[in-house]
């Protein structure tokens, strides 16, 4: 319980990094993964988490991925730590993974859903490359974005749904009321 509270405090308002989101993903997908969370605790008491899972891929070998990646489409993934501790966390996680002293036995690090401007993750990836020159990273300028064409009004949108989607919508009607808000994006 205390660890969950600490984790959520460190994640702040980043929903996809919060313990509850990641735990729900794990409960739904644990058959396909091996939990590989890395926790860093410093002598000063700072704590940071790197929420990873190992996935066995036939061609890529043992892939370390985010808990919450794949089917769940989590966004804004990254280290879970205080802003002031990002440098210590980046150094510690990079050192741990480059040495692989505890036998994670990973072949590939596939960290999708990271913001291009995430200071901590950029620092971590730079430190990882510095610690082991054979580790290379591919970075893209921005997150993927789901784009849906909308009709002028809801009735036209609803009429364009398949019979199955209309049925699912009716079953969920009212579920999100008061819990969700929607905004129309004006720019990418």
N, C-alpha and C. Protein backbone atom coordinates (compact mmCIF):
# COMPACT_ATOMS: atom_id res chain seq x y z
N UNK A 1 0.83 -1.20 0.00
CA UNK A 1 0.00 0.00 0.00
C UNK A 1 0.87 1.27 0.00
N UNK A 2 1.91 1.29 0.83
CA UNK A 2 2.78 2.47 0.91
C UNK A 2 3.52 2.67 -0.41
N UNK A 3 3.94 1.57 -1.04
CA UNK A 3 4.65 1.67 -2.31
C UNK A 3 3.73 2.22 -3.40
N UNK A 4 2.48 1.79 -3.40
CA UNK A 4 1.49 2.28 -4.37
C UNK A 4 1.29 3.79 -4.20
N UNK A 5 1.17 4.23 -2.95
CA UNK A 5 0.99 5.66 -2.67
C UNK A 5 2.20 6.45 -3.13
N UNK A 6 3.40 5.96 -2.84
CA UNK A 6 4.63 6.64 -3.25
C UNK A 6 4.72 6.69 -4.78
N UNK A 7 4.42 5.57 -5.42
CA UNK A 7 4.46 5.49 -6.89
C UNK A 7 3.53 6.54 -7.49
N UNK A 8 2.28 6.60 -7.02
CA UNK A 8 1.31 7.55 -7.56
C UNK A 8 1.71 8.99 -7.28
N UNK A 9 2.32 9.25 -6.13
CA UNK A 9 2.80 10.59 -5.83
C UNK A 9 3.87 11.01 -6.84
N UNK A 10 4.80 10.09 -7.14
CA UNK A 10 5.87 10.38 -8.10
C UNK A 10 5.33 10.55 -9.52
N UNK A 11 4.32 9.78 -9.88
CA UNK A 11 3.73 9.87 -11.22
C UNK A 11 2.94 11.15 -11.41
N UNK A 12 2.43 11.71 -10.33
CA UNK A 12 1.67 12.95 -10.41
C UNK A 12 0.44 12.80 -11.29
N UNK A 13 0.22 13.77 -12.17
CA UNK A 13 -0.97 13.75 -13.02
C UNK A 13 -0.74 13.02 -14.34
N UNK A 14 0.34 12.30 -14.46
CA UNK A 14 0.59 11.52 -15.69
C UNK A 14 -0.11 10.17 -15.55
N UNK A 15 -1.34 10.12 -16.03
CA UNK A 15 -2.22 8.98 -15.82
C UNK A 15 -1.59 7.64 -16.22
N UNK A 16 -0.95 7.58 -17.36
CA UNK A 16 -0.42 6.30 -17.85
C UNK A 16 0.82 5.84 -17.09
N UNK A 17 1.36 6.69 -16.22
CA UNK A 17 2.49 6.28 -15.38
C UNK A 17 2.04 5.90 -13.97
N UNK A 18 0.77 6.10 -13.67
CA UNK A 18 0.27 5.83 -12.32
C UNK A 18 0.15 4.33 -12.07
N UNK A 19 0.32 3.96 -10.82
CA UNK A 19 0.30 2.56 -10.42
C UNK A 19 -0.98 1.88 -10.84
N UNK A 20 -2.13 2.52 -10.64
CA UNK A 20 -3.41 1.88 -10.92
C UNK A 20 -3.58 1.55 -12.40
N UNK A 21 -3.13 2.45 -13.28
CA UNK A 21 -3.20 2.19 -14.72
C UNK A 21 -2.32 1.00 -15.08
N UNK A 22 -1.08 1.03 -14.59
CA UNK A 22 -0.13 -0.02 -14.93
C UNK A 22 -0.53 -1.37 -14.32
N UNK A 23 -1.07 -1.34 -13.12
CA UNK A 23 -1.50 -2.57 -12.46
C UNK A 23 -2.67 -3.20 -13.23
N UNK A 24 -3.61 -2.37 -13.68
CA UNK A 24 -4.74 -2.89 -14.46
C UNK A 24 -4.24 -3.53 -15.76
N UNK A 25 -3.27 -2.88 -16.41
CA UNK A 25 -2.69 -3.45 -17.62
C UNK A 25 -2.05 -4.79 -17.31
N UNK A 26 -1.29 -4.85 -16.21
CA UNK A 26 -0.61 -6.08 -15.85
C UNK A 26 -1.60 -7.20 -15.58
N UNK A 27 -2.67 -6.90 -14.87
CA UNK A 27 -3.69 -7.91 -14.57
C UNK A 27 -4.28 -8.49 -15.86
N UNK A 28 -4.43 -7.66 -16.88
CA UNK A 28 -5.03 -8.10 -18.14
C UNK A 28 -4.05 -8.80 -19.07
N UNK A 29 -2.75 -8.56 -18.92
CA UNK A 29 -1.77 -9.03 -19.92
C UNK A 29 -0.63 -9.86 -19.36
N UNK A 30 -0.67 -10.25 -18.11
CA UNK A 30 0.49 -10.88 -17.48
C UNK A 30 0.90 -12.21 -18.09
N UNK A 31 0.01 -12.88 -18.80
CA UNK A 31 0.40 -14.16 -19.40
C UNK A 31 1.44 -13.99 -20.49
N UNK A 32 1.46 -12.82 -21.12
CA UNK A 32 2.35 -12.58 -22.25
C UNK A 32 3.68 -11.92 -21.88
N UNK A 33 3.87 -11.60 -20.60
CA UNK A 33 5.03 -10.82 -20.18
C UNK A 33 5.61 -11.35 -18.87
N UNK A 34 6.83 -10.94 -18.60
CA UNK A 34 7.48 -11.19 -17.32
C UNK A 34 7.75 -9.82 -16.70
N UNK A 35 7.28 -9.60 -15.49
CA UNK A 35 7.45 -8.31 -14.83
C UNK A 35 8.92 -8.02 -14.61
N UNK A 36 9.37 -6.81 -14.97
CA UNK A 36 10.79 -6.43 -14.86
C UNK A 36 10.91 -4.99 -14.38
N UNK A 37 10.17 -4.62 -13.34
CA UNK A 37 10.22 -3.26 -12.81
C UNK A 37 11.58 -3.05 -12.14
N UNK A 38 12.20 -1.91 -12.44
CA UNK A 38 13.48 -1.57 -11.81
C UNK A 38 13.20 -0.42 -10.83
N UNK A 39 13.57 -0.61 -9.59
CA UNK A 39 13.40 0.41 -8.56
C UNK A 39 14.78 0.91 -8.14
N UNK A 40 14.94 2.22 -8.10
CA UNK A 40 16.18 2.83 -7.68
C UNK A 40 15.94 3.56 -6.37
N UNK A 41 16.76 3.26 -5.37
CA UNK A 41 16.70 3.97 -4.10
C UNK A 41 18.11 4.48 -3.81
N UNK A 42 18.23 5.78 -3.58
CA UNK A 42 19.55 6.36 -3.31
C UNK A 42 19.81 6.41 -1.80
N UNK A 43 21.03 6.68 -1.43
CA UNK A 43 21.40 6.81 -0.02
C UNK A 43 20.64 7.97 0.63
N UNK A 44 20.26 8.97 -0.17
CA UNK A 44 19.51 10.11 0.34
C UNK A 44 18.01 9.81 0.46
N UNK A 45 17.59 8.63 0.03
CA UNK A 45 16.20 8.23 0.14
C UNK A 45 15.36 8.51 -1.09
N UNK A 46 15.95 9.04 -2.14
CA UNK A 46 15.20 9.28 -3.38
C UNK A 46 14.80 7.94 -3.98
N UNK A 47 13.63 7.93 -4.57
CA UNK A 47 13.11 6.71 -5.17
C UNK A 47 12.71 7.00 -6.62
N UNK A 48 12.96 6.04 -7.50
CA UNK A 48 12.52 6.15 -8.89
C UNK A 48 12.19 4.75 -9.39
N UNK A 49 11.27 4.69 -10.34
CA UNK A 49 10.87 3.41 -10.92
C UNK A 49 11.00 3.48 -12.44
N UNK A 50 11.38 2.36 -13.03
CA UNK A 50 11.36 2.19 -14.47
C UNK A 50 10.43 1.00 -14.71
N UNK A 51 9.16 1.27 -15.06
CA UNK A 51 8.14 0.21 -15.14
C UNK A 51 8.22 -0.60 -16.43
N UNK A 52 9.01 -1.67 -16.39
CA UNK A 52 9.24 -2.49 -17.58
C UNK A 52 8.68 -3.89 -17.41
N UNK A 53 8.47 -4.54 -18.54
CA UNK A 53 8.11 -5.95 -18.59
C UNK A 53 8.92 -6.57 -19.72
N UNK A 54 9.21 -7.85 -19.60
CA UNK A 54 9.96 -8.53 -20.65
C UNK A 54 8.99 -9.35 -21.50
N UNK A 55 9.15 -9.19 -22.81
CA UNK A 55 8.33 -9.91 -23.76
C UNK A 55 9.24 -10.70 -24.68
N UNK A 56 8.96 -11.95 -24.85
CA UNK A 56 9.76 -12.80 -25.72
C UNK A 56 9.25 -12.67 -27.14
N UNK A 57 10.09 -12.18 -28.03
CA UNK A 57 9.73 -12.03 -29.44
C UNK A 57 10.61 -12.98 -30.26
N UNK A 58 10.01 -13.66 -31.20
CA UNK A 58 10.71 -14.68 -31.96
C UNK A 58 11.94 -14.12 -32.67
N UNK A 59 11.81 -12.99 -33.35
CA UNK A 59 12.93 -12.43 -34.09
C UNK A 59 13.77 -11.50 -33.23
N UNK A 60 13.12 -10.66 -32.42
CA UNK A 60 13.84 -9.64 -31.64
C UNK A 60 14.45 -10.18 -30.36
N UNK A 61 14.08 -11.38 -29.94
CA UNK A 61 14.60 -11.92 -28.68
C UNK A 61 13.84 -11.39 -27.49
N UNK A 62 14.54 -11.22 -26.37
CA UNK A 62 13.90 -10.70 -25.16
C UNK A 62 13.80 -9.19 -25.24
N UNK A 63 12.58 -8.71 -25.34
CA UNK A 63 12.32 -7.27 -25.46
C UNK A 63 11.87 -6.72 -24.12
N UNK A 64 12.52 -5.66 -23.65
CA UNK A 64 12.02 -4.93 -22.50
C UNK A 64 11.10 -3.84 -23.04
N UNK A 65 9.86 -3.82 -22.56
CA UNK A 65 8.85 -2.86 -23.01
C UNK A 65 8.23 -2.21 -21.78
N UNK A 66 7.51 -1.14 -22.00
CA UNK A 66 6.79 -0.51 -20.89
C UNK A 66 5.68 -1.42 -20.41
N UNK A 67 5.47 -1.46 -19.12
CA UNK A 67 4.20 -1.99 -18.62
C UNK A 67 3.17 -0.98 -19.10
N UNK A 68 2.16 -1.43 -19.78
CA UNK A 68 1.17 -0.50 -20.33
C UNK A 68 1.32 -0.29 -21.82
N UNK A 69 2.27 -0.96 -22.45
CA UNK A 69 2.45 -0.77 -23.89
C UNK A 69 1.66 -1.83 -24.65
N UNK A 70 1.75 -1.75 -25.95
CA UNK A 70 1.09 -2.76 -26.79
C UNK A 70 -0.39 -2.47 -26.95
N UNK A 71 -1.22 -3.41 -26.52
CA UNK A 71 -2.66 -3.33 -26.72
C UNK A 71 -3.32 -2.14 -26.02
N UNK A 72 -2.73 -1.65 -24.95
CA UNK A 72 -3.38 -0.60 -24.16
C UNK A 72 -3.18 0.79 -24.73
N UNK A 73 -2.23 0.98 -25.63
CA UNK A 73 -1.94 2.28 -26.23
C UNK A 73 -1.65 3.36 -25.20
N UNK A 74 -0.83 3.07 -24.22
CA UNK A 74 -0.46 4.07 -23.22
C UNK A 74 0.41 5.14 -23.85
N UNK A 75 0.23 6.37 -23.42
CA UNK A 75 1.02 7.50 -23.91
C UNK A 75 1.77 8.14 -22.75
N UNK A 76 2.74 8.96 -23.09
CA UNK A 76 3.52 9.71 -22.11
C UNK A 76 4.17 8.78 -21.08
N UNK A 77 4.77 7.71 -21.57
CA UNK A 77 5.44 6.76 -20.70
C UNK A 77 6.83 7.28 -20.37
N UNK A 78 7.38 6.80 -19.27
CA UNK A 78 8.72 7.22 -18.88
C UNK A 78 9.04 6.81 -17.46
N UNK A 79 10.17 7.33 -16.98
CA UNK A 79 10.58 7.06 -15.61
C UNK A 79 9.55 7.68 -14.66
N UNK A 80 9.41 7.04 -13.51
CA UNK A 80 8.51 7.55 -12.48
C UNK A 80 9.39 8.06 -11.34
N UNK A 81 9.56 9.39 -11.29
CA UNK A 81 10.43 9.97 -10.27
C UNK A 81 10.17 11.47 -10.15
N UNK A 82 10.73 12.05 -9.10
CA UNK A 82 10.67 13.50 -8.92
C UNK A 82 11.47 14.17 -10.04
N UNK A 83 11.06 15.35 -10.45
CA UNK A 83 11.79 16.07 -11.50
C UNK A 83 13.25 16.29 -11.09
N UNK A 84 13.48 16.62 -9.82
CA UNK A 84 14.84 16.90 -9.34
C UNK A 84 15.72 15.64 -9.31
N UNK A 85 15.11 14.47 -9.37
CA UNK A 85 15.87 13.21 -9.32
C UNK A 85 16.08 12.57 -10.68
N UNK A 86 15.68 13.24 -11.75
CA UNK A 86 15.77 12.64 -13.09
C UNK A 86 17.19 12.28 -13.48
N UNK A 87 18.14 13.13 -13.17
CA UNK A 87 19.52 12.85 -13.54
C UNK A 87 20.05 11.62 -12.80
N UNK A 88 19.80 11.55 -11.51
CA UNK A 88 20.23 10.39 -10.71
C UNK A 88 19.55 9.13 -11.23
N UNK A 89 18.24 9.22 -11.51
CA UNK A 89 17.49 8.06 -12.01
C UNK A 89 18.01 7.62 -13.38
N UNK A 90 18.22 8.57 -14.28
CA UNK A 90 18.73 8.25 -15.62
C UNK A 90 20.07 7.55 -15.53
N UNK A 91 20.96 8.06 -14.69
CA UNK A 91 22.28 7.44 -14.51
C UNK A 91 22.16 6.03 -13.94
N UNK A 92 21.35 5.89 -12.90
CA UNK A 92 21.20 4.60 -12.24
C UNK A 92 20.59 3.54 -13.14
N UNK A 93 19.50 3.90 -13.83
CA UNK A 93 18.85 2.93 -14.71
C UNK A 93 19.75 2.56 -15.88
N UNK A 94 20.47 3.54 -16.45
CA UNK A 94 21.38 3.26 -17.57
C UNK A 94 22.49 2.33 -17.12
N UNK A 95 23.06 2.60 -15.97
CA UNK A 95 24.13 1.75 -15.46
C UNK A 95 23.63 0.32 -15.23
N UNK A 96 22.49 0.21 -14.60
CA UNK A 96 21.91 -1.11 -14.30
C UNK A 96 21.68 -1.90 -15.59
N UNK A 97 21.04 -1.28 -16.56
CA UNK A 97 20.72 -1.99 -17.81
C UNK A 97 21.96 -2.28 -18.65
N UNK A 98 22.94 -1.40 -18.63
CA UNK A 98 24.15 -1.65 -19.43
C UNK A 98 24.98 -2.78 -18.83
N UNK A 99 24.95 -2.90 -17.51
CA UNK A 99 25.70 -3.98 -16.87
C UNK A 99 24.89 -5.27 -16.80
N UNK A 100 23.56 -5.11 -16.75
CA UNK A 100 22.65 -6.26 -16.66
C UNK A 100 23.13 -7.25 -15.61
N UNK A 101 23.53 -6.74 -14.48
CA UNK A 101 24.15 -7.56 -13.44
C UNK A 101 23.19 -8.52 -12.76
N UNK A 102 21.91 -8.29 -12.88
CA UNK A 102 20.96 -9.16 -12.19
C UNK A 102 20.23 -10.11 -13.14
N UNK A 103 20.71 -10.21 -14.35
CA UNK A 103 20.19 -11.23 -15.26
C UNK A 103 18.87 -10.93 -15.93
N UNK A 104 18.58 -9.67 -16.24
CA UNK A 104 17.36 -9.40 -17.01
C UNK A 104 17.44 -10.04 -18.38
N UNK A 105 18.65 -10.24 -18.88
CA UNK A 105 18.88 -10.91 -20.16
C UNK A 105 18.00 -10.34 -21.26
N UNK A 106 18.22 -9.07 -21.58
CA UNK A 106 17.43 -8.43 -22.61
C UNK A 106 18.26 -8.23 -23.87
N UNK A 107 17.56 -8.30 -25.02
CA UNK A 107 18.20 -8.11 -26.31
C UNK A 107 17.81 -6.79 -26.96
N UNK A 108 16.65 -6.29 -26.58
CA UNK A 108 16.11 -5.10 -27.22
C UNK A 108 15.29 -4.31 -26.19
N UNK A 109 15.38 -3.01 -26.28
CA UNK A 109 14.62 -2.10 -25.43
C UNK A 109 13.66 -1.36 -26.35
N UNK A 110 12.36 -1.62 -26.24
CA UNK A 110 11.37 -1.04 -27.13
C UNK A 110 10.45 -0.15 -26.31
N UNK A 111 10.79 1.12 -26.24
CA UNK A 111 10.08 2.06 -25.37
C UNK A 111 9.22 3.00 -26.21
N UNK A 112 8.04 2.56 -26.53
CA UNK A 112 7.11 3.32 -27.35
C UNK A 112 6.28 4.23 -26.44
N UNK A 113 5.74 5.29 -26.99
CA UNK A 113 4.85 6.17 -26.23
C UNK A 113 5.57 7.17 -25.35
N UNK A 114 6.82 7.49 -25.68
CA UNK A 114 7.60 8.46 -24.91
C UNK A 114 7.55 9.79 -25.65
N UNK A 115 7.25 10.85 -24.94
CA UNK A 115 7.22 12.18 -25.56
C UNK A 115 8.63 12.55 -26.01
N UNK A 116 8.75 13.16 -27.17
CA UNK A 116 10.06 13.56 -27.71
C UNK A 116 10.75 14.57 -26.81
N UNK A 117 9.98 15.35 -26.07
CA UNK A 117 10.56 16.38 -25.21
C UNK A 117 10.69 15.94 -23.75
N UNK A 118 10.57 14.64 -23.48
CA UNK A 118 10.70 14.13 -22.10
C UNK A 118 12.17 14.21 -21.68
N UNK A 119 12.49 15.19 -20.86
CA UNK A 119 13.87 15.44 -20.43
C UNK A 119 14.50 14.20 -19.80
N UNK A 120 13.80 13.58 -18.87
CA UNK A 120 14.34 12.42 -18.16
C UNK A 120 14.63 11.24 -19.08
N UNK A 121 13.72 10.97 -20.00
CA UNK A 121 13.93 9.84 -20.91
C UNK A 121 15.04 10.11 -21.91
N UNK A 122 15.14 11.34 -22.39
CA UNK A 122 16.25 11.68 -23.28
C UNK A 122 17.58 11.54 -22.56
N UNK A 123 17.62 11.97 -21.32
CA UNK A 123 18.82 11.83 -20.50
C UNK A 123 19.16 10.36 -20.29
N UNK A 124 18.15 9.56 -19.97
CA UNK A 124 18.34 8.12 -19.77
C UNK A 124 18.90 7.46 -21.02
N UNK A 125 18.31 7.74 -22.17
CA UNK A 125 18.78 7.12 -23.42
C UNK A 125 20.19 7.56 -23.78
N UNK A 126 20.51 8.82 -23.53
CA UNK A 126 21.88 9.30 -23.76
C UNK A 126 22.86 8.58 -22.84
N UNK A 127 22.51 8.46 -21.57
CA UNK A 127 23.38 7.79 -20.60
C UNK A 127 23.56 6.31 -20.95
N UNK A 128 22.49 5.69 -21.43
CA UNK A 128 22.56 4.28 -21.82
C UNK A 128 23.51 4.09 -22.99
N UNK A 129 23.45 4.98 -23.98
CA UNK A 129 24.37 4.92 -25.12
C UNK A 129 25.81 5.16 -24.69
N UNK A 130 26.00 6.09 -23.74
CA UNK A 130 27.34 6.37 -23.23
C UNK A 130 27.91 5.18 -22.45
N UNK A 131 27.05 4.51 -21.70
CA UNK A 131 27.49 3.38 -20.87
C UNK A 131 27.85 2.16 -21.72
N UNK A 132 27.19 2.00 -22.86
CA UNK A 132 27.45 0.86 -23.73
C UNK A 132 27.27 1.32 -25.17
N UNK A 133 28.36 1.50 -25.88
CA UNK A 133 28.30 2.06 -27.23
C UNK A 133 27.58 1.14 -28.23
N UNK A 134 27.39 -0.12 -27.88
CA UNK A 134 26.67 -1.02 -28.78
C UNK A 134 25.16 -0.80 -28.70
N UNK A 135 24.71 -0.07 -27.70
CA UNK A 135 23.28 0.22 -27.56
C UNK A 135 22.98 1.49 -28.34
N UNK A 136 22.11 1.35 -29.32
CA UNK A 136 21.73 2.48 -30.16
C UNK A 136 20.24 2.74 -29.96
N UNK A 137 19.85 3.99 -30.13
CA UNK A 137 18.43 4.29 -30.00
C UNK A 137 17.92 5.00 -31.23
N UNK A 138 16.69 4.71 -31.56
CA UNK A 138 15.99 5.38 -32.66
C UNK A 138 14.93 6.25 -32.00
N UNK A 139 14.94 7.52 -32.31
CA UNK A 139 13.96 8.43 -31.72
C UNK A 139 13.19 9.12 -32.82
N UNK A 140 11.90 9.25 -32.59
CA UNK A 140 11.04 9.92 -33.55
C UNK A 140 10.56 11.23 -32.94
N UNK A 141 10.18 12.19 -33.78
CA UNK A 141 9.88 13.53 -33.27
C UNK A 141 8.65 13.67 -32.38
N UNK A 142 7.67 12.79 -32.48
CA UNK A 142 6.47 12.96 -31.65
C UNK A 142 5.75 11.64 -31.48
N UNK A 143 4.80 11.64 -30.56
CA UNK A 143 3.97 10.46 -30.34
C UNK A 143 3.03 10.25 -31.51
N UNK A 144 2.61 9.01 -31.70
CA UNK A 144 1.56 8.74 -32.68
C UNK A 144 0.26 9.34 -32.15
N UNK A 145 -0.61 9.66 -33.03
CA UNK A 145 -1.87 10.28 -32.63
C UNK A 145 -3.01 9.60 -33.38
N UNK A 146 -4.05 9.24 -32.66
CA UNK A 146 -5.23 8.66 -33.29
C UNK A 146 -6.04 9.79 -33.88
N UNK A 147 -6.34 9.70 -35.15
CA UNK A 147 -7.13 10.73 -35.81
C UNK A 147 -8.40 10.08 -36.33
N UNK A 148 -9.52 10.67 -35.97
CA UNK A 148 -10.82 10.16 -36.40
C UNK A 148 -11.55 11.28 -37.11
N UNK A 149 -12.04 10.99 -38.28
CA UNK A 149 -12.84 11.98 -39.00
C UNK A 149 -14.23 12.02 -38.38
N UNK A 150 -14.69 13.21 -38.05
CA UNK A 150 -16.00 13.35 -37.43
C UNK A 150 -16.97 14.01 -38.40
N UNK A 151 -18.23 13.58 -38.30
CA UNK A 151 -19.28 14.21 -39.10
C UNK A 151 -19.72 15.50 -38.41
N UNK A 152 -20.58 16.24 -39.09
CA UNK A 152 -21.04 17.52 -38.55
C UNK A 152 -21.84 17.39 -37.27
N UNK A 153 -22.58 16.28 -37.11
CA UNK A 153 -23.35 16.11 -35.88
C UNK A 153 -23.30 14.64 -35.44
N UNK A 154 -23.69 14.42 -34.22
CA UNK A 154 -23.56 13.08 -33.63
C UNK A 154 -24.46 12.06 -34.33
N UNK A 155 -25.63 12.44 -34.72
CA UNK A 155 -26.55 11.49 -35.37
C UNK A 155 -25.93 10.93 -36.65
N UNK A 156 -25.30 11.81 -37.44
CA UNK A 156 -24.64 11.35 -38.67
C UNK A 156 -23.47 10.43 -38.32
N UNK A 157 -22.72 10.78 -37.27
CA UNK A 157 -21.59 9.96 -36.84
C UNK A 157 -22.09 8.57 -36.43
N UNK A 158 -23.12 8.54 -35.58
CA UNK A 158 -23.69 7.29 -35.07
C UNK A 158 -24.21 6.42 -36.22
N UNK A 159 -24.89 7.03 -37.16
CA UNK A 159 -25.43 6.29 -38.30
C UNK A 159 -24.33 5.64 -39.14
N UNK A 160 -23.13 6.21 -39.12
CA UNK A 160 -22.01 5.66 -39.88
C UNK A 160 -21.33 4.49 -39.20
N UNK A 161 -21.66 4.23 -37.93
CA UNK A 161 -21.07 3.09 -37.21
C UNK A 161 -21.65 1.78 -37.72
N UNK A 162 -20.86 0.72 -37.58
CA UNK A 162 -21.37 -0.61 -37.90
C UNK A 162 -22.40 -1.02 -36.85
N UNK A 163 -23.17 -2.05 -37.13
CA UNK A 163 -24.19 -2.53 -36.20
C UNK A 163 -23.55 -2.92 -34.87
N UNK A 164 -22.40 -3.58 -34.91
CA UNK A 164 -21.70 -4.01 -33.69
C UNK A 164 -21.26 -2.81 -32.86
N UNK A 165 -20.72 -1.79 -33.51
CA UNK A 165 -20.25 -0.60 -32.79
C UNK A 165 -21.44 0.17 -32.19
N UNK A 166 -22.55 0.24 -32.92
CA UNK A 166 -23.74 0.91 -32.36
C UNK A 166 -24.23 0.17 -31.12
N UNK A 167 -24.19 -1.15 -31.14
CA UNK A 167 -24.60 -1.94 -29.98
C UNK A 167 -23.67 -1.68 -28.79
N UNK A 168 -22.34 -1.68 -29.04
CA UNK A 168 -21.37 -1.38 -27.98
C UNK A 168 -21.60 0.01 -27.41
N UNK A 169 -21.88 0.97 -28.28
CA UNK A 169 -22.12 2.33 -27.83
C UNK A 169 -23.34 2.38 -26.90
N UNK A 170 -24.43 1.72 -27.29
CA UNK A 170 -25.64 1.72 -26.46
C UNK A 170 -25.37 1.09 -25.10
N UNK A 171 -24.55 0.04 -25.08
CA UNK A 171 -24.21 -0.62 -23.81
C UNK A 171 -23.40 0.30 -22.89
N UNK A 172 -22.58 1.15 -23.48
CA UNK A 172 -21.71 2.03 -22.70
C UNK A 172 -22.32 3.41 -22.46
N UNK A 173 -23.49 3.65 -23.02
CA UNK A 173 -24.12 4.96 -22.92
C UNK A 173 -24.22 5.39 -21.46
N UNK A 174 -23.74 6.54 -21.19
CA UNK A 174 -23.79 7.08 -19.83
C UNK A 174 -22.61 6.71 -18.96
N UNK A 175 -21.81 5.73 -19.39
CA UNK A 175 -20.67 5.29 -18.58
C UNK A 175 -19.67 6.41 -18.34
N UNK A 176 -19.38 7.19 -19.38
CA UNK A 176 -18.36 8.23 -19.27
C UNK A 176 -18.89 9.55 -18.73
N UNK A 177 -20.20 9.70 -18.62
CA UNK A 177 -20.76 10.99 -18.21
C UNK A 177 -20.22 11.39 -16.84
N UNK A 178 -19.69 12.59 -16.76
CA UNK A 178 -19.13 13.10 -15.51
C UNK A 178 -17.73 12.59 -15.23
N UNK A 179 -17.23 11.66 -16.04
CA UNK A 179 -15.91 11.08 -15.82
C UNK A 179 -14.92 11.47 -16.90
N UNK A 180 -15.42 11.87 -18.04
CA UNK A 180 -14.54 12.17 -19.18
C UNK A 180 -14.87 13.54 -19.74
N UNK A 181 -13.89 14.12 -20.37
CA UNK A 181 -14.13 15.35 -21.11
C UNK A 181 -13.45 15.20 -22.46
N UNK A 182 -13.99 15.86 -23.45
CA UNK A 182 -13.47 15.75 -24.80
C UNK A 182 -13.19 17.15 -25.33
N UNK A 183 -12.12 17.27 -26.09
CA UNK A 183 -11.76 18.53 -26.70
C UNK A 183 -11.45 18.27 -28.17
N UNK A 184 -11.72 19.26 -29.01
CA UNK A 184 -11.38 19.14 -30.42
C UNK A 184 -10.03 19.79 -30.62
N UNK A 185 -9.09 19.02 -31.15
CA UNK A 185 -7.74 19.55 -31.39
C UNK A 185 -7.77 20.42 -32.64
N UNK A 186 -7.16 21.56 -32.53
CA UNK A 186 -7.09 22.50 -33.66
C UNK A 186 -5.80 22.33 -34.47
N UNK A 187 -4.77 21.78 -33.82
CA UNK A 187 -3.46 21.58 -34.48
C UNK A 187 -2.96 20.18 -34.12
N UNK A 188 -1.96 19.66 -34.86
CA UNK A 188 -1.41 18.35 -34.52
C UNK A 188 -0.83 18.34 -33.12
